[in-house]
Amino acid sequence: MNYIIAIDQSTSSTKALLFDEQCHVVSRTSVDHKQYYPQTGWVEHDAEEIYQNMIEAIRQLVASYPASDNQFSLAITNQRETALVWNKTTGRPIANAVVWQDTRGAELCRELRSLGYAKRVFDKSGLLIDPNFSASGIKWLLDNVEGAREQANRGELLMGTIETWLIWKLTGGKVHATDYTNASRTMLFNIHTMQWDDDLLQLFDIPRSLMPEIKACDAVYGKTTCEGVFSSPIEIAGVLGDSHGALVGQMCFKPGSGKVTYGTGSSVMVNIGQAPKAAPQGLVTSVGFSAFGKVYYGFEGNIYSTGATLKWICDQLGLVGHPSEMEALATSVQDNGGVYIIPAFSGLGAPWWQSSVKGAVFGLTFATSKSHFVRAALESIAYQIKDLIDVMSRATGGHMSEICADGGPTKNRFLMQFQADMLDTPVVCTEVDDASALGAVIMNGFARGLWKDFSDVTGFRKETEVYKPQPTPNKETLYQGWRDAVNQLIK
């Protein structure tokens, strides 16, 4: 029996999950790491702490499920865009990692947009000029950490996103590498040439000598003992960013298939095939995944408040005690009673990108009940997903065959059926709780020849429910009400 340890290194913790050859999770551990907020808008992680936490998580995992060293291999999926710079001789970071939520690069990004570089960056990288992506944070470190620029110019420094740092540490500094998906989120990678782009490197004043080698997701990256956890080295194989891991874990291998992760916010990614098409306004194009010598691209958009809206209903308003109570209330009324909630608690995300907009409620009357309000909150999730999916469908020139859904809110049957009705597309809920980790495991199996084709793994996705769209006579009227409400805020 082969066992694959999947490292799921997220924004708040490092999980280690043990999968068997049938992709069942047989054991798991998790270690949280500290969040640093040294100034307003700054978010940092201690990369050394993350590495040590990963080793500890692996140590705990192996101790709980002993097997021979040659039965194990290691796969990695990680928080995207978070990046750091370290000295390749001492192995020490020059500063804490700049997290994807960090906005210290916002002024640089505004300046570059004002100078007319937005189209060039978008055409090459598929991304918007935004501090969410790694380049502005790396430039800030080189410009503001004492001696960093001089060290970089002398070729003494390396940069990487989190998986690059972990691989470098795991291999004792022998391997400095990233994968195509993480590279495509840096704003320094050309999605057409599949290489680091000299123009983009020059634009952000980042020497090429800092950049890691780029490999396919289903490549073998090296070997490691995990700081002596294993007496003989095991292979590191299968690496990709977390959202891309979920796309693979949901088996979205065909163009037109996509996934929605319903969490605090929601990530929507759709496989657009092997051509890097320009994303419609408000969305980005990234490498979805690479396997078997081919590269598949994806359109992606992120919504700020979905599950967070339900938490607000419970915790702040106290209308219900738990989100599980919402379905009964929502179905106790025939419709939303004309009520629309725009959950712009942190502004509106894709495809609107209106950061200054605040949340609002429209259509309240004396007839409005708690049930109408709760139903409107649930409907707001479906409307926001539809906003994105419609843009993606128009850009790809075709209707999506299905949407794969995961996350806590998928337990709400009303929401999932309403989502299918609004999209006129089947919504497939799966039992995958760790879709990102499963995606890394699949890439690990591809890299080591455990599975030879996509068809070998599609059976590992177990559907728990398929919501087929039902005739909804007032669908267009309902959605138009949502659009009218949003337009009142973004004018």
Protein backbone atom coordinates (compact mmCIF):
# COMPACT_ATOMS: atom_id res chain seq x y z
CA MET A 1 0.00 0.00 0.00
CA ASN A 2 1.26 3.45 -0.95
CA TYR A 3 0.48 6.37 1.35
CA ILE A 4 0.59 9.98 0.24
CA ILE A 5 1.07 12.73 2.79
CA ALA A 6 -0.64 15.88 1.53
CA ILE A 7 0.53 19.14 3.05
CA ASP A 8 -2.25 21.74 2.90
CA GLN A 9 -0.46 24.94 3.93
CA SER A 10 -3.17 27.58 4.34
CA THR A 11 -3.35 31.17 5.54
CA SER A 12 -4.03 30.15 9.13
CA SER A 13 -2.62 26.65 9.59
CA THR A 14 -0.65 23.76 8.16
CA LYS A 15 -2.54 20.50 7.77
CA ALA A 16 -1.00 17.11 7.06
CA LEU A 17 -3.41 14.53 5.65
CA LEU A 18 -2.61 10.88 4.98
CA PHE A 19 -4.28 9.42 1.89
CA ASP A 20 -4.27 5.81 0.77
CA GLU A 21 -4.22 4.64 -2.87
CA GLN A 22 -8.01 4.92 -3.09
CA CYS A 23 -7.71 8.58 -2.00
CA HIS A 24 -9.35 7.97 1.36
CA VAL A 25 -8.13 10.17 4.22
CA VAL A 26 -6.94 7.77 6.91
CA SER A 27 -5.41 10.29 9.31
CA ARG A 28 -4.86 14.04 9.68
CA THR A 29 -3.16 16.63 11.87
CA SER A 30 -3.13 20.43 11.91
CA VAL A 31 -0.90 23.08 13.46
CA ASP A 32 -1.89 26.76 13.52
CA HIS A 33 0.58 29.56 12.92
CA LYS A 34 0.58 33.16 14.13
CA GLN A 35 -0.71 36.12 12.13
CA TYR A 36 1.35 39.31 12.27
CA TYR A 37 -0.17 42.77 11.68
CA PRO A 38 2.72 45.21 12.25
CA GLN A 39 0.96 48.14 10.55
CA THR A 40 -2.47 48.90 9.15
CA GLY A 41 -2.87 46.92 5.93
CA TRP A 42 0.18 44.74 6.59
CA VAL A 43 -0.23 40.98 7.06
CA GLU A 44 2.80 38.78 7.63
CA HIS A 45 3.73 35.17 8.39
CA ASP A 46 6.90 33.77 9.92
CA ALA A 47 8.11 31.40 7.20
CA GLU A 48 10.41 29.56 9.61
CA GLU A 49 7.44 28.90 11.91
CA ILE A 50 5.41 27.56 8.98
CA TYR A 51 8.22 25.18 8.03
CA GLN A 52 8.65 23.91 11.58
CA ASN A 53 4.87 23.51 11.91
CA MET A 54 4.83 21.44 8.72
CA ILE A 55 7.54 19.15 10.09
CA GLU A 56 5.65 18.80 13.37
CA ALA A 57 2.40 18.01 11.54
CA ILE A 58 4.17 15.31 9.51
CA ARG A 59 5.82 13.93 12.66
CA GLN A 60 2.44 13.65 14.41
CA LEU A 61 0.82 12.11 11.35
CA VAL A 62 3.45 9.42 10.86
CA ALA A 63 3.47 8.62 14.57
CA SER A 64 -0.28 8.02 14.47
CA TYR A 65 -0.09 5.78 11.40
CA PRO A 66 3.24 3.94 11.27
CA ALA A 67 4.38 2.29 8.05
CA SER A 68 7.65 1.67 6.23
CA ASP A 69 9.44 4.73 4.82
CA ASN A 70 9.20 3.42 1.26
CA GLN A 71 5.42 3.46 1.49
CA PHE A 72 5.29 7.25 1.83
CA SER A 73 5.57 10.21 -0.53
CA LEU A 74 4.78 13.90 -0.05
CA ALA A 75 2.49 16.29 -1.97
CA ILE A 76 1.99 20.03 -1.35
CA THR A 77 -0.83 22.50 -1.85
CA ASN A 78 -0.53 25.99 -0.45
CA GLN A 79 -1.93 29.44 0.16
CA ARG A 80 -1.27 31.37 -3.02
CA GLU A 81 0.55 34.68 -3.61
CA THR A 82 2.11 34.82 -0.12
CA ALA A 83 5.82 35.26 -0.82
CA LEU A 84 9.18 35.76 0.85
CA VAL A 85 12.86 36.39 0.14
CA TRP A 86 15.73 34.53 1.80
CA ASN A 87 19.51 34.35 1.74
CA LYS A 88 20.59 31.26 -0.16
CA THR A 89 23.75 30.84 1.93
CA THR A 90 22.37 31.30 5.44
CA GLY A 91 18.92 29.93 4.54
CA ARG A 92 17.27 32.67 6.56
CA PRO A 93 14.43 34.91 5.34
CA ILE A 94 15.36 38.58 5.18
CA ALA A 95 11.93 39.40 6.67
CA ASN A 96 8.57 37.84 7.36
CA ALA A 97 6.59 36.59 4.37
CA VAL A 98 4.22 39.12 2.78
CA VAL A 99 0.77 37.51 2.87
CA TRP A 100 -1.72 37.70 -0.02
CA GLN A 101 -3.99 39.89 2.14
CA ASP A 102 -1.21 42.47 2.61
CA THR A 103 -1.72 45.86 0.92
CA ARG A 104 1.68 47.52 1.36
CA GLY A 105 2.15 47.30 -2.41
CA ALA A 106 -1.07 49.22 -3.14
CA GLU A 107 0.64 52.54 -3.83
CA LEU A 108 3.06 50.94 -6.29
CA CYS A 109 0.16 49.21 -8.04
CA ARG A 110 -1.76 52.49 -8.31
CA GLU A 111 1.31 54.17 -9.76
CA LEU A 112 1.82 51.44 -12.37
CA ARG A 113 -1.84 51.61 -13.38
CA SER A 114 -1.66 55.39 -13.69
CA LEU A 115 1.40 55.05 -15.92
CA GLY A 116 -0.54 52.81 -18.29
CA TYR A 117 1.00 49.42 -17.51
CA ALA A 118 -2.27 47.63 -16.74
CA LYS A 119 -2.77 46.27 -20.27
CA ARG A 120 0.82 45.07 -20.58
CA VAL A 121 0.65 43.21 -17.26
CA PHE A 122 -2.78 41.78 -18.07
CA ASP A 123 -1.77 40.64 -21.56
CA LYS A 124 1.33 38.86 -20.29
CA SER A 125 0.32 37.54 -16.88
CA GLY A 126 -3.47 37.32 -17.17
CA LEU A 127 -3.72 39.27 -13.90
CA LEU A 128 -4.85 42.68 -12.75
CA ILE A 129 -2.21 44.94 -11.21
CA ASP A 130 -3.05 44.39 -7.57
CA PRO A 131 -1.13 43.92 -4.28
CA ASN A 132 -2.94 40.60 -3.87
CA PHE A 133 -0.36 39.13 -6.26
CA SER A 134 3.25 38.55 -5.20
CA ALA A 135 5.31 40.98 -7.27
CA SER A 136 4.63 44.24 -5.42
CA GLY A 137 5.35 42.63 -2.04
CA ILE A 138 8.66 41.21 -3.24
CA LYS A 139 9.70 44.58 -4.65
CA TRP A 140 8.79 46.21 -1.35
CA LEU A 141 11.05 43.80 0.56
CA LEU A 142 13.98 44.41 -1.78
CA ASP A 143 13.55 48.17 -1.55
CA ASN A 144 12.90 48.46 2.18
CA VAL A 145 14.83 45.75 4.02
CA GLU A 146 18.30 47.07 4.78
CA GLY A 147 20.90 45.67 2.39
CA ALA A 148 18.41 43.55 0.46
CA ARG A 149 18.71 45.33 -2.87
CA GLU A 150 22.50 45.07 -2.81
CA GLN A 151 22.36 41.37 -1.86
CA ALA A 152 19.85 40.72 -4.63
CA ASN A 153 22.04 42.41 -7.21
CA ARG A 154 24.97 40.25 -6.09
CA GLY A 155 22.88 37.10 -6.61
CA GLU A 156 22.79 36.21 -2.92
CA LEU A 157 19.00 36.05 -2.47
CA LEU A 158 16.17 33.77 -3.57
CA MET A 159 12.43 34.38 -3.65
CA GLY A 160 9.47 32.11 -3.64
CA THR A 161 5.89 31.54 -2.74
CA ILE A 162 5.29 29.28 0.24
CA GLU A 163 5.60 25.94 -1.56
CA THR A 164 8.96 27.05 -3.02
CA TRP A 165 10.25 27.84 0.46
CA LEU A 166 9.03 24.51 1.85
CA ILE A 167 10.60 22.52 -1.00
CA TRP A 168 13.89 24.39 -0.64
CA LYS A 169 13.97 23.68 3.09
CA LEU A 170 12.86 20.05 2.73
CA THR A 171 15.64 19.36 0.22
CA GLY A 172 18.34 21.12 2.24
CA GLY A 173 18.60 23.92 -0.31
CA LYS A 174 19.14 21.58 -3.26
CA VAL A 175 15.88 22.39 -5.06
CA HIS A 176 14.62 25.93 -5.74
CA ALA A 177 11.42 25.34 -7.67
CA THR A 178 7.78 26.27 -8.04
CA ASP A 179 4.92 24.94 -10.15
CA TYR A 180 3.02 26.58 -13.00
CA THR A 181 -0.07 27.41 -10.91
CA ASN A 182 1.75 29.27 -8.16
CA ALA A 183 4.00 30.99 -10.70
CA SER A 184 0.92 32.23 -12.52
CA ARG A 185 -0.20 34.14 -9.39
CA THR A 186 2.98 36.24 -8.99
CA MET A 187 2.42 38.85 -11.74
CA LEU A 188 5.90 37.91 -13.02
CA PHE A 189 4.98 34.86 -15.12
CA ASN A 190 4.02 34.94 -18.79
CA ILE A 191 1.07 32.57 -19.29
CA HIS A 192 1.80 32.42 -23.04
CA THR A 193 5.52 31.57 -22.96
CA MET A 194 5.20 29.66 -19.65
CA GLN A 195 8.35 31.37 -18.38
CA TRP A 196 9.32 34.20 -16.08
CA ASP A 197 8.85 37.35 -18.15
CA ASP A 198 11.85 39.69 -18.47
CA ASP A 199 9.63 42.75 -19.04
CA LEU A 200 7.61 42.06 -15.90
CA LEU A 201 10.74 41.35 -13.86
CA GLN A 202 12.18 44.65 -15.05
CA LEU A 203 8.92 46.49 -14.32
CA PHE A 204 9.06 45.36 -10.69
CA ASP A 205 12.87 45.57 -10.53
CA ILE A 206 13.31 41.94 -9.47
CA PRO A 207 16.55 40.25 -10.63
CA ARG A 208 16.02 36.99 -12.51
CA SER A 209 18.61 35.33 -10.25
CA LEU A 210 16.00 35.31 -7.45
CA MET A 211 13.49 33.27 -9.43
CA PRO A 212 12.87 29.55 -8.95
CA GLU A 213 12.75 26.89 -11.65
CA ILE A 214 9.19 26.27 -12.87
CA LYS A 215 7.88 22.71 -13.07
CA ALA A 216 4.65 20.95 -13.95
CA CYS A 217 2.17 20.17 -11.18
CA ASP A 218 2.68 16.43 -11.76
CA ALA A 219 6.47 16.53 -11.47
CA VAL A 220 8.82 14.97 -8.94
CA TYR A 221 10.46 17.88 -7.10
CA GLY A 222 13.07 16.10 -5.01
CA LYS A 223 13.55 13.95 -1.94
CA THR A 224 13.47 14.63 1.79
CA THR A 225 13.71 12.94 5.17
CA CYS A 226 11.50 15.70 6.67
CA GLU A 227 14.22 16.60 9.18
CA GLY A 228 14.76 12.97 10.15
CA VAL A 229 11.12 11.94 10.46
CA PHE A 230 12.01 9.29 7.87
CA SER A 231 15.22 7.31 8.06
CA SER A 232 15.51 7.27 4.27
CA PRO A 233 14.40 10.02 1.84
CA ILE A 234 10.88 10.03 0.40
CA GLU A 235 9.80 11.72 -2.83
CA ILE A 236 8.21 15.16 -3.04
CA ALA A 237 5.79 14.98 -5.97
CA GLY A 238 2.63 16.86 -6.87
CA VAL A 239 2.54 20.60 -6.15
CA LEU A 240 -0.10 23.26 -6.86
CA GLY A 241 -1.87 26.25 -5.31
CA ASP A 242 -4.90 25.61 -3.12
CA SER A 243 -7.65 26.88 -5.43
CA HIS A 244 -6.11 24.92 -8.32
CA GLY A 245 -5.90 21.89 -6.06
CA ALA A 246 -9.64 22.16 -5.48
CA LEU A 247 -10.24 22.32 -9.23
CA VAL A 248 -8.34 19.05 -9.64
CA GLY A 249 -9.83 17.52 -6.49
CA GLN A 250 -13.29 18.18 -7.91
CA MET A 251 -12.17 16.42 -11.13
CA CYS A 252 -12.77 19.48 -13.33
CA PHE A 253 -10.59 18.07 -16.11
CA LYS A 254 -12.84 19.01 -19.04
CA PRO A 255 -13.11 22.54 -20.46
CA GLY A 256 -16.32 24.12 -19.28
CA SER A 257 -16.31 22.34 -15.94
CA GLY A 258 -15.83 24.45 -12.86
CA LYS A 259 -15.94 24.48 -9.11
CA VAL A 260 -17.33 26.77 -6.47
CA THR A 261 -15.87 26.62 -2.99
CA TYR A 262 -18.45 28.03 -0.59
CA GLY A 263 -16.55 29.27 2.42
CA THR A 264 -16.30 32.56 4.29
CA GLY A 265 -16.07 33.96 0.80
CA SER A 266 -16.29 31.96 -2.40
CA SER A 267 -13.79 31.05 -5.08
CA VAL A 268 -15.09 30.30 -8.55
CA MET A 269 -12.72 28.72 -11.08
CA VAL A 270 -13.58 27.29 -14.47
CA ASN A 271 -11.43 25.14 -16.74
CA ILE A 272 -11.18 26.98 -20.08
CA GLY A 273 -8.98 24.44 -21.84
CA GLN A 274 -5.46 24.59 -23.22
CA ALA A 275 -5.55 28.14 -24.62
CA PRO A 276 -4.78 31.10 -22.32
CA LYS A 277 -7.79 33.26 -23.21
CA ALA A 278 -8.02 36.81 -21.92
CA ALA A 279 -10.32 36.94 -18.93
CA PRO A 280 -13.40 39.17 -19.10
CA GLN A 281 -13.30 42.41 -17.12
CA GLY A 282 -13.08 41.82 -13.39
CA LEU A 283 -11.74 38.26 -13.66
CA VAL A 284 -8.26 36.85 -14.12
CA THR A 285 -6.69 34.06 -16.16
CA SER A 286 -4.35 31.65 -14.41
CA VAL A 287 -2.89 28.26 -15.07
CA GLY A 288 -5.59 25.92 -13.78
CA PHE A 289 -3.26 22.92 -13.58
CA SER A 290 -0.67 21.06 -15.67
CA ALA A 291 -0.48 17.31 -16.12
CA PHE A 292 0.69 14.72 -18.66
CA GLY A 293 2.67 17.35 -20.55
CA LYS A 294 -0.35 19.63 -21.06
CA VAL A 295 -1.39 22.90 -19.48
CA TYR A 296 -5.02 23.74 -18.69
CA TYR A 297 -6.01 27.33 -17.96
CA GLY A 298 -8.79 28.74 -15.84
CA PHE A 299 -10.83 31.87 -15.33
CA GLU A 300 -11.16 32.79 -11.68
CA GLY A 301 -13.10 35.23 -9.56
CA ASN A 302 -13.35 35.65 -5.81
CA ILE A 303 -16.37 36.79 -3.78
CA TYR A 304 -15.76 38.33 -0.38
CA SER A 305 -18.89 37.45 1.59
CA THR A 306 -20.93 34.28 1.23
CA GLY A 307 -20.66 32.12 4.35
CA ALA A 308 -19.66 35.31 6.17
CA THR A 309 -23.13 36.68 5.40
CA LEU A 310 -24.76 33.72 7.13
CA LYS A 311 -22.46 34.15 10.11
CA TRP A 312 -23.50 37.82 10.28
CA ILE A 313 -27.16 36.80 10.32
CA CYS A 314 -26.45 34.50 13.28
CA ASP A 315 -23.83 36.34 15.31
CA GLN A 316 -24.58 40.01 14.73
CA LEU A 317 -28.31 40.06 14.11
CA GLY A 318 -29.21 37.00 16.15
CA LEU A 319 -32.04 36.04 13.80
CA VAL A 320 -31.10 32.36 14.12
CA GLY A 321 -28.72 30.48 16.34
CA HIS A 322 -26.94 28.52 13.60
CA PRO A 323 -26.87 28.50 9.77
CA SER A 324 -28.42 25.01 9.83
CA GLU A 325 -31.69 26.66 10.95
CA MET A 326 -31.91 28.86 7.86
CA GLU A 327 -33.24 26.35 5.36
CA ALA A 328 -36.51 25.84 7.23
CA LEU A 329 -37.08 29.59 7.49
CA ALA A 330 -36.24 30.21 3.83
CA THR A 331 -38.66 27.57 2.61
CA SER A 332 -41.45 28.76 4.93
CA VAL A 333 -42.15 31.66 2.54
CA GLN A 334 -42.88 31.52 -1.20
CA ASP A 335 -40.27 34.09 -2.21
CA ASN A 336 -38.01 36.81 -0.84
CA GLY A 337 -40.87 39.31 -0.52
CA GLY A 338 -38.93 41.78 -2.67
CA VAL A 339 -36.00 41.90 -0.20
CA TYR A 340 -32.41 41.95 -1.50
CA ILE A 341 -29.33 41.94 0.71
CA ILE A 342 -26.09 43.20 -0.85
CA PRO A 343 -23.39 41.75 1.46
CA ALA A 344 -20.64 44.23 0.63
CA PHE A 345 -19.20 44.16 4.15
CA SER A 346 -15.69 44.49 2.69
CA GLY A 347 -16.75 45.98 -0.63
CA LEU A 348 -17.88 44.06 -3.69
CA GLY A 349 -15.43 41.57 -5.18
CA ALA A 350 -15.42 40.06 -8.66
CA PRO A 351 -16.71 40.94 -11.14
CA TRP A 352 -17.54 44.38 -9.72
CA TRP A 353 -14.33 45.28 -7.83
CA GLN A 354 -15.95 48.12 -5.93
CA SER A 355 -13.91 48.26 -2.71
CA SER A 356 -15.61 51.39 -1.37
CA VAL A 357 -19.18 50.03 -1.57
CA LYS A 358 -20.87 49.20 1.74
CA GLY A 359 -23.48 46.55 2.40
CA ALA A 360 -27.15 47.42 1.97
CA VAL A 361 -30.66 46.00 2.19
CA PHE A 362 -33.36 46.89 -0.35
CA GLY A 363 -37.10 46.29 -0.48
CA LEU A 364 -38.09 46.29 3.19
CA THR A 365 -41.79 46.73 3.93
CA PHE A 366 -44.06 46.14 6.93
CA ALA A 367 -44.75 42.72 5.43
CA THR A 368 -41.08 41.72 5.64
CA SER A 369 -40.53 38.87 8.08
CA LYS A 370 -37.50 37.19 9.54
CA SER A 371 -38.02 34.40 7.02
CA HIS A 372 -37.87 36.85 4.09
CA PHE A 373 -34.66 38.34 5.48
CA VAL A 374 -32.99 34.97 5.92
CA ARG A 375 -34.10 33.86 2.47
CA ALA A 376 -32.68 37.05 0.96
CA ALA A 377 -29.32 36.36 2.66
CA LEU A 378 -29.16 32.87 1.16
CA GLU A 379 -30.25 34.13 -2.24
CA SER A 380 -27.49 36.76 -2.19
CA ILE A 381 -24.93 33.94 -2.30
CA ALA A 382 -26.52 32.39 -5.38
CA TYR A 383 -26.82 35.75 -7.13
CA GLN A 384 -23.14 36.57 -6.57
CA ILE A 385 -22.08 33.19 -7.93
CA LYS A 386 -24.34 33.74 -10.94
CA ASP A 387 -22.74 37.15 -11.55
CA LEU A 388 -19.39 35.41 -11.98
CA ILE A 389 -20.53 32.30 -13.80
CA ASP A 390 -22.45 34.35 -16.37
CA VAL A 391 -19.35 36.44 -17.13
CA MET A 392 -17.26 33.29 -17.46
CA SER A 393 -19.80 31.56 -19.70
CA ARG A 394 -20.01 34.52 -22.07
CA ALA A 395 -16.23 34.67 -22.28
CA THR A 396 -15.86 30.95 -23.01
CA GLY A 397 -18.70 31.02 -25.51
CA GLY A 398 -20.55 28.12 -24.02
CA HIS A 399 -22.83 27.00 -21.24
CA MET A 400 -21.17 25.16 -18.37
CA SER A 401 -21.99 21.49 -18.17
CA GLU A 402 -22.03 21.41 -14.38
CA ILE A 403 -20.71 23.19 -11.30
CA CYS A 404 -18.96 21.19 -8.59
CA ALA A 405 -19.61 22.58 -5.13
CA ASP A 406 -17.90 22.11 -1.80
CA GLY A 407 -17.89 23.89 1.55
CA GLY A 408 -20.21 24.26 4.53
CA PRO A 409 -23.09 26.15 2.84
CA THR A 410 -23.58 23.23 0.40
CA LYS A 411 -25.42 21.48 3.23
CA ASN A 412 -28.29 23.96 2.70
CA ARG A 413 -30.57 22.25 0.21
CA PHE A 414 -32.58 25.38 -0.50
CA LEU A 415 -29.43 27.32 -1.44
CA MET A 416 -28.08 24.57 -3.69
CA GLN A 417 -31.40 24.13 -5.53
CA PHE A 418 -31.79 27.89 -5.91
CA GLN A 419 -28.22 28.05 -7.23
CA ALA A 420 -28.95 25.38 -9.85
CA ASP A 421 -32.16 27.17 -10.86
CA MET A 422 -30.44 30.54 -11.19
CA LEU A 423 -27.59 29.09 -13.27
CA ASP A 424 -29.78 26.67 -15.22
CA THR A 425 -26.90 24.28 -14.61
CA PRO A 426 -26.63 21.15 -12.45
CA VAL A 427 -24.86 21.74 -9.14
CA VAL A 428 -22.96 18.66 -8.00
CA CYS A 429 -22.15 18.45 -4.30
CA THR A 430 -19.41 16.04 -3.29
CA GLU A 431 -18.16 14.50 -0.10
CA VAL A 432 -14.73 16.03 -0.61
CA ASP A 433 -13.90 18.05 2.50
CA ASP A 434 -10.28 18.61 1.53
CA ALA A 435 -10.49 19.19 -2.21
CA SER A 436 -7.19 21.09 -2.38
CA ALA A 437 -5.29 18.31 -0.64
CA LEU A 438 -6.95 15.70 -2.84
CA GLY A 439 -5.83 17.65 -5.91
CA ALA A 440 -2.22 17.55 -4.71
CA VAL A 441 -2.51 13.81 -4.05
CA ILE A 442 -3.81 13.20 -7.57
CA MET A 443 -0.87 15.13 -9.03
CA ASN A 444 1.46 13.10 -6.82
CA GLY A 445 -0.01 9.88 -8.21
CA PHE A 446 0.33 11.14 -11.77
CA ALA A 447 3.98 12.09 -11.15
CA ARG A 448 4.86 8.66 -9.76
CA GLY A 449 2.90 6.65 -12.33
CA LEU A 450 0.33 5.45 -9.82
CA TRP A 451 -2.42 6.61 -12.20
CA LYS A 452 -1.91 6.97 -15.95
CA ASP A 453 -4.87 9.11 -17.00
CA PHE A 454 -7.56 11.47 -15.71
CA SER A 455 -10.08 8.66 -16.08
CA ASP A 456 -8.17 6.62 -13.50
CA VAL A 457 -9.09 9.06 -10.71
CA THR A 458 -12.51 10.45 -11.59
CA GLY A 459 -14.16 7.67 -9.61
CA PHE A 460 -12.56 9.00 -6.42
CA ARG A 461 -15.03 11.91 -6.42
CA LYS A 462 -18.14 10.73 -4.60
CA GLU A 463 -21.26 12.74 -5.36
CA THR A 464 -23.51 13.30 -2.37
CA GLU A 465 -26.24 15.22 -4.19
CA VAL A 466 -26.94 16.53 -7.67
CA TYR A 467 -29.29 19.51 -7.88
CA LYS A 468 -30.82 19.73 -11.34
CA PRO A 469 -32.32 23.05 -12.41
CA GLN A 470 -36.08 23.26 -12.06
CA PRO A 471 -38.40 25.51 -14.09
CA THR A 472 -38.53 28.89 -12.34
CA PRO A 473 -41.01 31.21 -14.08
CA ASN A 474 -39.89 34.31 -12.20
CA LYS A 475 -36.14 33.60 -12.41
CA GLU A 476 -35.33 36.55 -14.66
CA THR A 477 -37.40 38.92 -12.53
CA LEU A 478 -35.69 37.76 -9.34
CA TYR A 479 -32.21 38.18 -10.80
CA GLN A 480 -33.06 41.54 -12.33
CA GLY A 481 -34.09 42.71 -8.87
CA TRP A 482 -30.63 41.79 -7.62
CA ARG A 483 -28.91 43.61 -10.48
CA ASP A 484 -31.06 46.69 -9.93
CA ALA A 485 -30.09 46.71 -6.26
CA VAL A 486 -26.36 46.36 -7.03
CA ASN A 487 -26.54 49.11 -9.65
CA GLN A 488 -27.94 51.51 -7.07
CA LEU A 489 -24.72 51.07 -5.09
CA ILE A 490 -22.09 51.14 -7.82
CA LYS A 491 -23.30 54.13 -9.82
